[in-house]
């Protein structure tokens, strides 16, 4: 399985985030899966890639040319694909991934995982979407998704198909038992 990881190009303040990246990287390698990620050597991105490689796993990096020019690409990956733009990078990672996991990160990480969640709702992504909730990092986002359900902008069934967890056992079970959401249906506004 190809596991696409979205995460920060920074390490974050809490060392627990680095430990989470190491734990996930080791798990990917031990389960003989392949890491697909943004191709960088900085931050949590570098930590997760290094851990997969240290455990004899395979890593596919996808990085835009402008980041290669800043010498940010990881030099030891199994495969490094250099693309034209961030948009091409995101689409390539989605195409390569069999599931998507967001470790802690910033706005880019949030944008990437949100995109695959959104695509699942409209029938363009049939793969699991998971937020690795180390130390409750994504608790406020989970509450926001719950608010979307409460306010009628997200179905309860679609919300149940987004996992927030820091348990690798729970994540494995979620991936194994995952059923994609039904394609979202729209109702026409009726004016009187």
N, C-alpha and C. Protein backbone atom coordinates (compact mmCIF):
# COMPACT_ATOMS: atom_id res chain seq x y z
N UNK A 1 0.84 -1.17 0.00
CA UNK A 1 0.00 0.00 0.00
C UNK A 1 0.89 1.24 0.00
N UNK A 2 0.48 2.26 -0.73
CA UNK A 2 1.16 3.55 -0.75
C UNK A 2 0.43 4.48 0.22
N UNK A 3 1.13 4.93 1.26
CA UNK A 3 0.54 5.79 2.26
C UNK A 3 1.08 7.21 2.06
N UNK A 4 0.18 8.12 1.68
CA UNK A 4 0.56 9.51 1.50
C UNK A 4 0.50 10.20 2.84
N UNK A 5 1.61 10.82 3.20
CA UNK A 5 1.70 11.55 4.47
C UNK A 5 1.82 13.03 4.17
N UNK A 6 0.97 13.79 4.84
CA UNK A 6 1.07 15.25 4.82
C UNK A 6 1.56 15.66 6.20
N UNK A 7 2.54 16.57 6.26
CA UNK A 7 3.03 17.02 7.56
C UNK A 7 3.87 18.27 7.39
N UNK A 8 4.26 18.83 8.53
CA UNK A 8 4.99 20.09 8.53
C UNK A 8 6.40 19.99 8.01
N UNK A 9 6.83 21.08 7.35
CA UNK A 9 8.24 21.24 6.97
C UNK A 9 9.00 21.87 8.14
N UNK A 10 8.32 22.01 9.28
CA UNK A 10 8.92 22.42 10.54
C UNK A 10 8.78 21.26 11.51
N UNK A 11 9.55 21.29 12.58
CA UNK A 11 9.49 20.22 13.58
C UNK A 11 8.39 20.45 14.61
N UNK A 12 7.95 21.69 14.77
CA UNK A 12 7.02 22.00 15.85
C UNK A 12 7.78 22.14 17.16
N UNK A 13 7.10 22.64 18.17
CA UNK A 13 7.74 22.90 19.46
C UNK A 13 7.83 21.64 20.32
N UNK A 14 6.79 20.84 20.30
CA UNK A 14 6.72 19.66 21.17
C UNK A 14 7.48 18.49 20.54
N UNK A 15 8.47 17.92 21.22
CA UNK A 15 9.21 16.77 20.68
C UNK A 15 8.30 15.57 20.39
N UNK A 16 7.10 15.55 20.98
CA UNK A 16 6.17 14.45 20.72
C UNK A 16 5.78 14.38 19.25
N UNK A 17 5.81 15.50 18.55
CA UNK A 17 5.47 15.50 17.12
C UNK A 17 6.54 14.76 16.31
N UNK A 18 7.80 14.95 16.68
CA UNK A 18 8.88 14.22 16.02
C UNK A 18 8.78 12.72 16.32
N UNK A 19 8.46 12.41 17.57
CA UNK A 19 8.29 11.01 17.94
C UNK A 19 7.14 10.37 17.17
N UNK A 20 6.07 11.12 16.97
CA UNK A 20 4.93 10.61 16.18
C UNK A 20 5.36 10.34 14.75
N UNK A 21 6.13 11.25 14.17
CA UNK A 21 6.61 11.06 12.79
C UNK A 21 7.49 9.82 12.70
N UNK A 22 8.33 9.61 13.69
CA UNK A 22 9.19 8.41 13.72
C UNK A 22 8.35 7.16 13.85
N UNK A 23 7.37 7.21 14.74
CA UNK A 23 6.50 6.04 14.95
C UNK A 23 5.75 5.66 13.68
N UNK A 24 5.22 6.67 13.00
CA UNK A 24 4.48 6.42 11.76
C UNK A 24 5.43 5.92 10.67
N UNK A 25 6.61 6.51 10.57
CA UNK A 25 7.58 6.06 9.57
C UNK A 25 8.01 4.62 9.78
N UNK A 26 8.28 4.27 11.03
CA UNK A 26 8.67 2.88 11.35
C UNK A 26 7.52 1.92 11.03
N UNK A 27 6.30 2.31 11.38
CA UNK A 27 5.11 1.49 11.09
C UNK A 27 4.95 1.27 9.59
N UNK A 28 5.11 2.33 8.79
CA UNK A 28 5.00 2.19 7.33
C UNK A 28 6.00 1.16 6.82
N UNK A 29 7.26 1.27 7.26
CA UNK A 29 8.30 0.35 6.79
C UNK A 29 8.05 -1.08 7.28
N UNK A 30 7.71 -1.23 8.57
CA UNK A 30 7.50 -2.57 9.12
C UNK A 30 6.33 -3.29 8.46
N UNK A 31 5.32 -2.55 8.04
CA UNK A 31 4.16 -3.15 7.36
C UNK A 31 4.40 -3.32 5.86
N UNK A 32 5.62 -2.98 5.43
CA UNK A 32 6.03 -3.12 4.02
C UNK A 32 5.18 -2.27 3.09
N UNK A 33 4.78 -1.12 3.60
CA UNK A 33 4.09 -0.13 2.78
C UNK A 33 5.12 0.84 2.22
N UNK A 34 4.69 1.71 1.33
CA UNK A 34 5.56 2.72 0.73
C UNK A 34 5.07 4.09 1.17
N UNK A 35 6.01 4.92 1.59
CA UNK A 35 5.70 6.30 1.93
C UNK A 35 5.66 7.14 0.67
N UNK A 36 4.61 7.91 0.52
CA UNK A 36 4.52 8.95 -0.51
C UNK A 36 4.42 10.26 0.25
N UNK A 37 5.30 11.20 -0.04
CA UNK A 37 5.27 12.46 0.70
C UNK A 37 5.87 13.56 -0.17
N UNK A 38 5.99 14.75 0.40
CA UNK A 38 6.38 15.93 -0.37
C UNK A 38 7.83 16.06 -0.75
N UNK A 39 8.67 15.07 -0.45
CA UNK A 39 10.04 15.03 -0.97
C UNK A 39 11.07 15.86 -0.24
N UNK A 40 10.68 16.53 0.84
CA UNK A 40 11.62 17.42 1.53
C UNK A 40 12.43 16.73 2.60
N UNK A 41 13.52 17.41 2.99
CA UNK A 41 14.37 16.90 4.06
C UNK A 41 14.18 17.66 5.36
N UNK A 42 13.40 18.74 5.34
CA UNK A 42 13.21 19.59 6.52
C UNK A 42 12.01 19.15 7.34
N UNK A 43 12.04 19.47 8.63
CA UNK A 43 10.90 19.30 9.50
C UNK A 43 10.43 17.87 9.66
N UNK A 44 9.15 17.73 9.98
CA UNK A 44 8.57 16.40 10.16
C UNK A 44 8.62 15.59 8.87
N UNK A 45 8.62 16.31 7.72
CA UNK A 45 8.73 15.60 6.44
C UNK A 45 10.03 14.79 6.40
N UNK A 46 11.13 15.42 6.76
CA UNK A 46 12.41 14.72 6.78
C UNK A 46 12.46 13.62 7.81
N UNK A 47 11.85 13.86 8.96
CA UNK A 47 11.85 12.85 10.05
C UNK A 47 11.14 11.58 9.60
N UNK A 48 9.94 11.71 9.03
CA UNK A 48 9.19 10.52 8.63
C UNK A 48 9.90 9.77 7.50
N UNK A 49 10.46 10.50 6.54
CA UNK A 49 11.19 9.85 5.44
C UNK A 49 12.43 9.13 5.96
N UNK A 50 13.18 9.80 6.84
CA UNK A 50 14.39 9.18 7.40
C UNK A 50 14.06 7.89 8.14
N UNK A 51 12.94 7.89 8.86
CA UNK A 51 12.58 6.71 9.65
C UNK A 51 12.17 5.55 8.74
N UNK A 52 11.44 5.84 7.68
CA UNK A 52 11.09 4.77 6.73
C UNK A 52 12.36 4.20 6.12
N UNK A 53 13.26 5.07 5.69
CA UNK A 53 14.51 4.62 5.06
C UNK A 53 15.38 3.84 6.06
N UNK A 54 15.44 4.29 7.31
CA UNK A 54 16.25 3.61 8.34
C UNK A 54 15.74 2.21 8.62
N UNK A 55 14.47 1.97 8.31
CA UNK A 55 13.87 0.65 8.52
C UNK A 55 13.67 -0.10 7.20
N UNK A 56 14.51 0.22 6.22
CA UNK A 56 14.56 -0.44 4.92
C UNK A 56 13.24 -0.35 4.13
N UNK A 57 12.51 0.74 4.34
CA UNK A 57 11.28 0.95 3.59
C UNK A 57 11.52 1.77 2.34
N UNK A 58 10.50 1.82 1.50
CA UNK A 58 10.57 2.60 0.25
C UNK A 58 9.88 3.94 0.43
N UNK A 59 10.49 4.96 -0.19
CA UNK A 59 9.97 6.32 -0.08
C UNK A 59 9.92 6.97 -1.45
N UNK A 60 8.75 7.46 -1.80
CA UNK A 60 8.57 8.24 -3.03
C UNK A 60 8.33 9.68 -2.61
N UNK A 61 9.20 10.57 -3.06
CA UNK A 61 9.03 11.99 -2.80
C UNK A 61 8.54 12.69 -4.06
N UNK A 62 7.67 13.65 -3.87
CA UNK A 62 7.16 14.45 -4.98
C UNK A 62 7.38 15.91 -4.61
N UNK A 63 8.23 16.60 -5.34
CA UNK A 63 8.63 17.94 -4.95
C UNK A 63 8.65 18.88 -6.15
N UNK A 64 8.16 20.11 -5.98
CA UNK A 64 8.23 21.06 -7.09
C UNK A 64 9.65 21.58 -7.30
N UNK A 65 9.95 21.93 -8.52
CA UNK A 65 11.28 22.39 -8.93
C UNK A 65 11.78 23.54 -8.06
N UNK A 66 10.91 24.49 -7.72
CA UNK A 66 11.38 25.66 -6.97
C UNK A 66 11.89 25.27 -5.58
N UNK A 67 11.40 24.18 -4.99
CA UNK A 67 11.92 23.72 -3.71
C UNK A 67 13.23 22.95 -3.87
N UNK A 68 13.39 22.27 -5.01
CA UNK A 68 14.67 21.62 -5.30
C UNK A 68 15.76 22.68 -5.42
N UNK A 69 15.41 23.80 -6.08
CA UNK A 69 16.38 24.89 -6.27
C UNK A 69 16.81 25.50 -4.94
N UNK A 70 15.98 25.40 -3.91
CA UNK A 70 16.33 25.90 -2.57
C UNK A 70 17.07 24.84 -1.76
N UNK A 71 17.42 23.73 -2.41
CA UNK A 71 18.15 22.63 -1.80
C UNK A 71 17.37 22.02 -0.63
N UNK A 72 16.06 21.88 -0.82
CA UNK A 72 15.22 21.31 0.22
C UNK A 72 14.84 19.86 -0.04
N UNK A 73 15.22 19.31 -1.20
CA UNK A 73 14.83 17.92 -1.49
C UNK A 73 15.70 16.95 -0.69
N UNK A 74 15.08 15.83 -0.33
CA UNK A 74 15.77 14.79 0.43
C UNK A 74 16.70 14.04 -0.52
N UNK A 75 17.97 13.87 -0.15
CA UNK A 75 18.94 13.29 -1.09
C UNK A 75 18.96 11.76 -1.17
N UNK A 76 18.21 11.05 -0.33
CA UNK A 76 18.38 9.59 -0.26
C UNK A 76 17.11 8.80 -0.48
N UNK A 77 16.15 9.34 -1.19
CA UNK A 77 14.88 8.65 -1.38
C UNK A 77 14.98 7.52 -2.39
N UNK A 78 14.04 6.59 -2.31
CA UNK A 78 13.95 5.52 -3.30
C UNK A 78 13.67 6.13 -4.67
N UNK A 79 12.72 7.06 -4.70
CA UNK A 79 12.34 7.76 -5.93
C UNK A 79 12.03 9.21 -5.58
N UNK A 80 12.54 10.14 -6.37
CA UNK A 80 12.20 11.55 -6.22
C UNK A 80 11.65 12.05 -7.54
N UNK A 81 10.40 12.46 -7.53
CA UNK A 81 9.77 13.00 -8.72
C UNK A 81 9.73 14.52 -8.60
N UNK A 82 10.33 15.19 -9.57
CA UNK A 82 10.36 16.64 -9.59
C UNK A 82 9.27 17.12 -10.54
N UNK A 83 8.40 17.98 -10.01
CA UNK A 83 7.24 18.44 -10.78
C UNK A 83 7.28 19.97 -10.90
N UNK A 84 6.35 20.50 -11.70
CA UNK A 84 6.36 21.93 -12.02
C UNK A 84 5.81 22.84 -10.94
N UNK A 85 4.87 22.35 -10.14
CA UNK A 85 4.19 23.26 -9.22
C UNK A 85 3.64 22.50 -8.01
N UNK A 86 3.18 23.26 -7.03
CA UNK A 86 2.55 22.67 -5.85
C UNK A 86 1.26 21.95 -6.24
N UNK A 87 0.53 22.49 -7.19
CA UNK A 87 -0.71 21.84 -7.63
C UNK A 87 -0.43 20.48 -8.24
N UNK A 88 0.59 20.41 -9.08
CA UNK A 88 0.95 19.12 -9.69
C UNK A 88 1.42 18.16 -8.60
N UNK A 89 2.18 18.68 -7.63
CA UNK A 89 2.64 17.83 -6.53
C UNK A 89 1.45 17.23 -5.79
N UNK A 90 0.49 18.06 -5.42
CA UNK A 90 -0.68 17.56 -4.68
C UNK A 90 -1.43 16.51 -5.48
N UNK A 91 -1.67 16.78 -6.75
CA UNK A 91 -2.41 15.82 -7.58
C UNK A 91 -1.65 14.51 -7.75
N UNK A 92 -0.34 14.59 -7.88
CA UNK A 92 0.49 13.39 -8.02
C UNK A 92 0.45 12.56 -6.73
N UNK A 93 0.54 13.22 -5.59
CA UNK A 93 0.49 12.50 -4.31
C UNK A 93 -0.87 11.84 -4.12
N UNK A 94 -1.93 12.52 -4.51
CA UNK A 94 -3.27 11.93 -4.40
C UNK A 94 -3.37 10.71 -5.31
N UNK A 95 -2.86 10.83 -6.53
CA UNK A 95 -2.92 9.71 -7.48
C UNK A 95 -2.11 8.51 -6.99
N UNK A 96 -0.99 8.76 -6.35
CA UNK A 96 -0.13 7.67 -5.88
C UNK A 96 -0.63 7.03 -4.59
N UNK A 97 -1.38 7.78 -3.77
CA UNK A 97 -1.76 7.31 -2.45
C UNK A 97 -2.93 6.34 -2.45
N UNK A 98 -2.85 5.37 -1.53
CA UNK A 98 -3.97 4.46 -1.26
C UNK A 98 -4.69 4.86 0.02
N UNK A 99 -4.07 5.70 0.82
CA UNK A 99 -4.70 6.35 1.96
C UNK A 99 -3.89 7.59 2.27
N UNK A 100 -4.48 8.49 3.06
CA UNK A 100 -3.87 9.79 3.32
C UNK A 100 -3.88 10.04 4.82
N UNK A 101 -2.71 10.36 5.36
CA UNK A 101 -2.59 10.62 6.79
C UNK A 101 -1.91 11.97 6.99
N UNK A 102 -2.53 12.82 7.80
CA UNK A 102 -1.94 14.10 8.15
C UNK A 102 -1.34 14.01 9.54
N UNK A 103 -0.03 14.17 9.63
CA UNK A 103 0.65 14.38 10.90
C UNK A 103 0.51 15.87 11.23
N UNK A 104 0.94 16.30 12.41
CA UNK A 104 0.87 17.74 12.69
C UNK A 104 1.61 18.55 11.62
N UNK A 105 1.06 19.71 11.36
CA UNK A 105 1.64 20.60 10.36
C UNK A 105 0.90 21.92 10.36
N UNK A 106 1.20 22.73 9.38
CA UNK A 106 0.61 24.06 9.28
C UNK A 106 -0.48 24.14 8.23
N UNK A 107 -0.67 25.33 7.66
CA UNK A 107 -1.74 25.54 6.69
C UNK A 107 -1.65 24.63 5.46
N UNK A 108 -0.44 24.34 4.98
CA UNK A 108 -0.30 23.46 3.82
C UNK A 108 -0.77 22.05 4.11
N UNK A 109 -0.41 21.54 5.28
CA UNK A 109 -0.85 20.21 5.71
C UNK A 109 -2.37 20.17 5.80
N UNK A 110 -2.93 21.19 6.43
CA UNK A 110 -4.38 21.27 6.58
C UNK A 110 -5.08 21.34 5.23
N UNK A 111 -4.51 22.12 4.33
CA UNK A 111 -5.10 22.23 2.98
C UNK A 111 -5.09 20.88 2.26
N UNK A 112 -3.98 20.16 2.35
CA UNK A 112 -3.85 18.89 1.64
C UNK A 112 -4.82 17.83 2.16
N UNK A 113 -4.90 17.67 3.47
CA UNK A 113 -5.82 16.65 4.00
C UNK A 113 -7.27 17.07 3.78
N UNK A 114 -7.55 18.36 3.87
CA UNK A 114 -8.91 18.85 3.64
C UNK A 114 -9.33 18.59 2.19
N UNK A 115 -8.39 18.73 1.27
CA UNK A 115 -8.72 18.48 -0.13
C UNK A 115 -9.14 17.03 -0.36
N UNK A 116 -8.39 16.07 0.21
CA UNK A 116 -8.76 14.67 -0.03
C UNK A 116 -10.06 14.31 0.70
N UNK A 117 -10.31 14.92 1.86
CA UNK A 117 -11.59 14.72 2.54
C UNK A 117 -12.72 15.24 1.66
N UNK A 118 -12.54 16.43 1.13
CA UNK A 118 -13.56 17.05 0.28
C UNK A 118 -13.80 16.23 -0.99
N UNK A 119 -12.72 15.76 -1.60
CA UNK A 119 -12.86 14.96 -2.82
C UNK A 119 -13.61 13.66 -2.55
N UNK A 120 -13.45 13.09 -1.37
CA UNK A 120 -14.18 11.86 -1.02
C UNK A 120 -15.68 12.11 -1.04
N UNK A 121 -16.10 13.25 -0.58
CA UNK A 121 -17.52 13.57 -0.50
C UNK A 121 -18.17 13.71 -1.87
N UNK A 122 -17.38 14.05 -2.89
CA UNK A 122 -17.95 14.22 -4.23
C UNK A 122 -17.58 13.07 -5.17
N UNK A 123 -17.08 11.97 -4.58
CA UNK A 123 -16.81 10.77 -5.37
C UNK A 123 -15.51 10.77 -6.14
N UNK A 124 -14.56 11.65 -5.77
CA UNK A 124 -13.29 11.71 -6.49
C UNK A 124 -12.12 11.12 -5.70
N UNK A 125 -12.40 10.57 -4.53
CA UNK A 125 -11.38 9.92 -3.71
C UNK A 125 -12.06 8.80 -2.93
N UNK A 126 -11.67 7.57 -3.19
CA UNK A 126 -12.24 6.41 -2.51
C UNK A 126 -11.34 5.87 -1.41
N UNK A 127 -10.36 6.66 -0.97
CA UNK A 127 -9.37 6.18 -0.01
C UNK A 127 -9.55 6.83 1.36
N UNK A 128 -9.11 6.15 2.42
CA UNK A 128 -9.26 6.67 3.78
C UNK A 128 -8.48 7.96 4.02
N UNK A 129 -9.06 8.83 4.85
CA UNK A 129 -8.44 10.09 5.26
C UNK A 129 -8.33 10.09 6.78
N UNK A 130 -7.11 10.29 7.27
CA UNK A 130 -6.82 10.14 8.69
C UNK A 130 -6.01 11.34 9.17
N UNK A 131 -6.36 11.85 10.33
CA UNK A 131 -5.57 12.90 10.96
C UNK A 131 -4.92 12.29 12.19
N UNK A 132 -3.58 12.20 12.18
CA UNK A 132 -2.83 11.60 13.28
C UNK A 132 -2.82 12.61 14.42
N UNK A 133 -3.63 12.35 15.42
CA UNK A 133 -3.98 13.33 16.44
C UNK A 133 -3.07 13.27 17.66
N UNK A 134 -1.76 13.43 17.42
CA UNK A 134 -0.77 13.40 18.50
C UNK A 134 -1.04 14.52 19.50
N UNK A 135 -1.14 14.15 20.78
CA UNK A 135 -1.36 15.12 21.86
C UNK A 135 -2.57 16.01 21.61
N UNK A 136 -3.57 15.49 20.90
CA UNK A 136 -4.77 16.27 20.66
C UNK A 136 -4.59 17.41 19.67
N UNK A 137 -3.54 17.33 18.84
CA UNK A 137 -3.24 18.43 17.91
C UNK A 137 -4.44 18.80 17.05
N UNK A 138 -5.20 17.80 16.62
CA UNK A 138 -6.33 18.06 15.72
C UNK A 138 -7.69 18.05 16.43
N UNK A 139 -7.70 18.14 17.76
CA UNK A 139 -8.98 18.12 18.49
C UNK A 139 -9.92 19.24 18.05
N UNK A 140 -9.38 20.44 17.87
CA UNK A 140 -10.26 21.57 17.49
C UNK A 140 -10.83 21.36 16.09
N UNK A 141 -10.07 20.74 15.20
CA UNK A 141 -10.58 20.45 13.87
C UNK A 141 -11.66 19.37 13.93
N UNK A 142 -11.46 18.36 14.77
CA UNK A 142 -12.49 17.33 14.94
C UNK A 142 -13.78 17.95 15.45
N UNK A 143 -13.67 18.87 16.41
CA UNK A 143 -14.87 19.55 16.91
C UNK A 143 -15.53 20.38 15.81
N UNK A 144 -14.72 21.00 14.97
CA UNK A 144 -15.27 21.80 13.88
C UNK A 144 -16.04 20.92 12.89
N UNK A 145 -15.50 19.73 12.57
CA UNK A 145 -16.24 18.79 11.72
C UNK A 145 -17.55 18.37 12.39
N UNK A 146 -17.51 18.17 13.70
CA UNK A 146 -18.74 17.84 14.43
C UNK A 146 -19.74 18.99 14.35
N UNK A 147 -19.24 20.22 14.42
CA UNK A 147 -20.11 21.39 14.26
C UNK A 147 -20.73 21.43 12.87
N UNK A 148 -19.96 21.03 11.86
CA UNK A 148 -20.49 20.99 10.49
C UNK A 148 -21.68 20.03 10.42
N UNK A 149 -21.56 18.87 11.09
CA UNK A 149 -22.66 17.91 11.13
C UNK A 149 -23.86 18.55 11.81
N UNK A 150 -23.61 19.12 12.99
CA UNK A 150 -24.70 19.73 13.77
C UNK A 150 -25.42 20.83 12.99
N UNK A 151 -24.69 21.54 12.14
CA UNK A 151 -25.27 22.65 11.39
C UNK A 151 -25.71 22.28 9.98
N UNK A 152 -25.66 20.99 9.64
CA UNK A 152 -26.19 20.53 8.37
C UNK A 152 -25.29 20.72 7.16
N UNK A 153 -23.97 20.89 7.37
CA UNK A 153 -23.05 21.06 6.25
C UNK A 153 -22.20 19.82 5.98
N UNK A 154 -22.32 18.81 6.81
CA UNK A 154 -21.60 17.55 6.65
C UNK A 154 -22.49 16.46 7.21
N UNK A 155 -22.65 15.38 6.46
CA UNK A 155 -23.50 14.30 6.96
C UNK A 155 -22.77 13.53 8.06
N UNK A 156 -23.54 12.93 8.95
CA UNK A 156 -22.97 12.12 10.03
C UNK A 156 -22.17 10.96 9.43
N UNK A 157 -22.68 10.37 8.33
CA UNK A 157 -21.99 9.25 7.68
C UNK A 157 -20.63 9.68 7.12
N UNK A 158 -20.59 10.87 6.50
CA UNK A 158 -19.31 11.36 5.97
C UNK A 158 -18.34 11.68 7.11
N UNK A 159 -18.84 12.23 8.20
CA UNK A 159 -17.98 12.55 9.36
C UNK A 159 -17.36 11.27 9.92
N UNK A 160 -18.12 10.18 9.93
CA UNK A 160 -17.62 8.91 10.46
C UNK A 160 -16.52 8.32 9.58
N UNK A 161 -16.35 8.83 8.38
CA UNK A 161 -15.32 8.34 7.47
C UNK A 161 -14.04 9.18 7.50
N UNK A 162 -13.94 10.04 8.51
CA UNK A 162 -12.74 10.83 8.75
C UNK A 162 -12.24 10.44 10.14
N UNK A 163 -11.06 9.83 10.20
CA UNK A 163 -10.56 9.34 11.49
C UNK A 163 -9.57 10.32 12.10
N UNK A 164 -9.77 10.61 13.38
CA UNK A 164 -8.82 11.36 14.19
C UNK A 164 -8.31 10.39 15.25
N UNK A 165 -7.02 10.03 15.18
CA UNK A 165 -6.49 9.04 16.12
C UNK A 165 -4.97 9.09 16.13
N UNK A 166 -4.38 8.70 17.26
CA UNK A 166 -2.93 8.52 17.32
C UNK A 166 -2.58 7.05 17.61
N UNK A 167 -3.57 6.18 17.44
CA UNK A 167 -3.37 4.74 17.65
C UNK A 167 -3.15 4.06 16.30
N UNK A 168 -1.96 3.48 16.12
CA UNK A 168 -1.68 2.79 14.85
C UNK A 168 -2.58 1.58 14.67
N UNK A 169 -2.97 0.93 15.76
CA UNK A 169 -3.89 -0.21 15.67
C UNK A 169 -5.26 0.25 15.17
N UNK A 170 -5.74 1.36 15.71
CA UNK A 170 -7.03 1.90 15.26
C UNK A 170 -6.95 2.36 13.80
N UNK A 171 -5.83 2.95 13.44
CA UNK A 171 -5.64 3.41 12.06
C UNK A 171 -5.63 2.21 11.11
N UNK A 172 -4.92 1.16 11.47
CA UNK A 172 -4.90 -0.05 10.63
C UNK A 172 -6.30 -0.62 10.44
N UNK A 173 -7.06 -0.71 11.52
CA UNK A 173 -8.42 -1.25 11.44
C UNK A 173 -9.30 -0.35 10.58
N UNK A 174 -9.15 0.96 10.73
CA UNK A 174 -9.92 1.92 9.93
C UNK A 174 -9.62 1.73 8.44
N UNK A 175 -8.35 1.59 8.10
CA UNK A 175 -7.96 1.39 6.70
C UNK A 175 -8.52 0.08 6.17
N UNK A 176 -8.40 -0.99 6.95
CA UNK A 176 -8.86 -2.31 6.53
C UNK A 176 -10.37 -2.38 6.31
N UNK A 177 -11.11 -1.65 7.13
CA UNK A 177 -12.57 -1.72 7.08
C UNK A 177 -13.21 -0.53 6.37
N UNK A 178 -12.42 0.29 5.72
CA UNK A 178 -12.92 1.53 5.14
C UNK A 178 -13.88 1.30 3.98
N UNK A 179 -14.97 2.01 4.02
CA UNK A 179 -15.93 2.05 2.92
C UNK A 179 -16.05 3.51 2.50
N UNK A 180 -15.81 3.84 1.23
CA UNK A 180 -15.89 5.23 0.81
C UNK A 180 -17.29 5.80 1.03
N UNK A 181 -17.39 7.11 1.28
CA UNK A 181 -18.71 7.70 1.42
C UNK A 181 -19.46 7.64 0.10
N UNK A 182 -20.78 7.65 0.20
CA UNK A 182 -21.58 7.74 -1.01
C UNK A 182 -21.38 9.11 -1.64
N UNK A 183 -21.56 9.18 -2.93
CA UNK A 183 -21.40 10.46 -3.61
C UNK A 183 -22.47 11.42 -3.10
N UNK A 184 -22.03 12.59 -2.73
CA UNK A 184 -22.93 13.58 -2.16
C UNK A 184 -24.04 13.93 -3.15
N UNK A 185 -25.25 13.98 -2.62
CA UNK A 185 -26.42 14.37 -3.40
C UNK A 185 -26.82 15.78 -3.00
N UNK A 186 -27.29 16.53 -3.94
CA UNK A 186 -27.67 17.91 -3.69
C UNK A 186 -29.17 18.07 -3.85
N UNK A 187 -29.73 18.94 -3.03
CA UNK A 187 -31.13 19.24 -3.16
C UNK A 187 -31.28 20.62 -3.75
N UNK A 188 -32.26 20.77 -4.59
CA UNK A 188 -32.48 22.05 -5.27
C UNK A 188 -33.20 23.00 -4.33
N UNK A 189 -32.77 24.23 -4.32
CA UNK A 189 -33.47 25.25 -3.55
C UNK A 189 -34.82 25.53 -4.21
N UNK A 190 -35.83 25.60 -3.41
CA UNK A 190 -37.17 25.89 -3.93
C UNK A 190 -37.61 27.25 -3.38
N UNK A 191 -37.86 28.19 -4.27
CA UNK A 191 -38.33 29.47 -3.81
C UNK A 191 -39.81 29.60 -4.11
N UNK A 192 -40.52 30.30 -3.25
CA UNK A 192 -41.97 30.42 -3.45
C UNK A 192 -42.34 31.75 -4.03
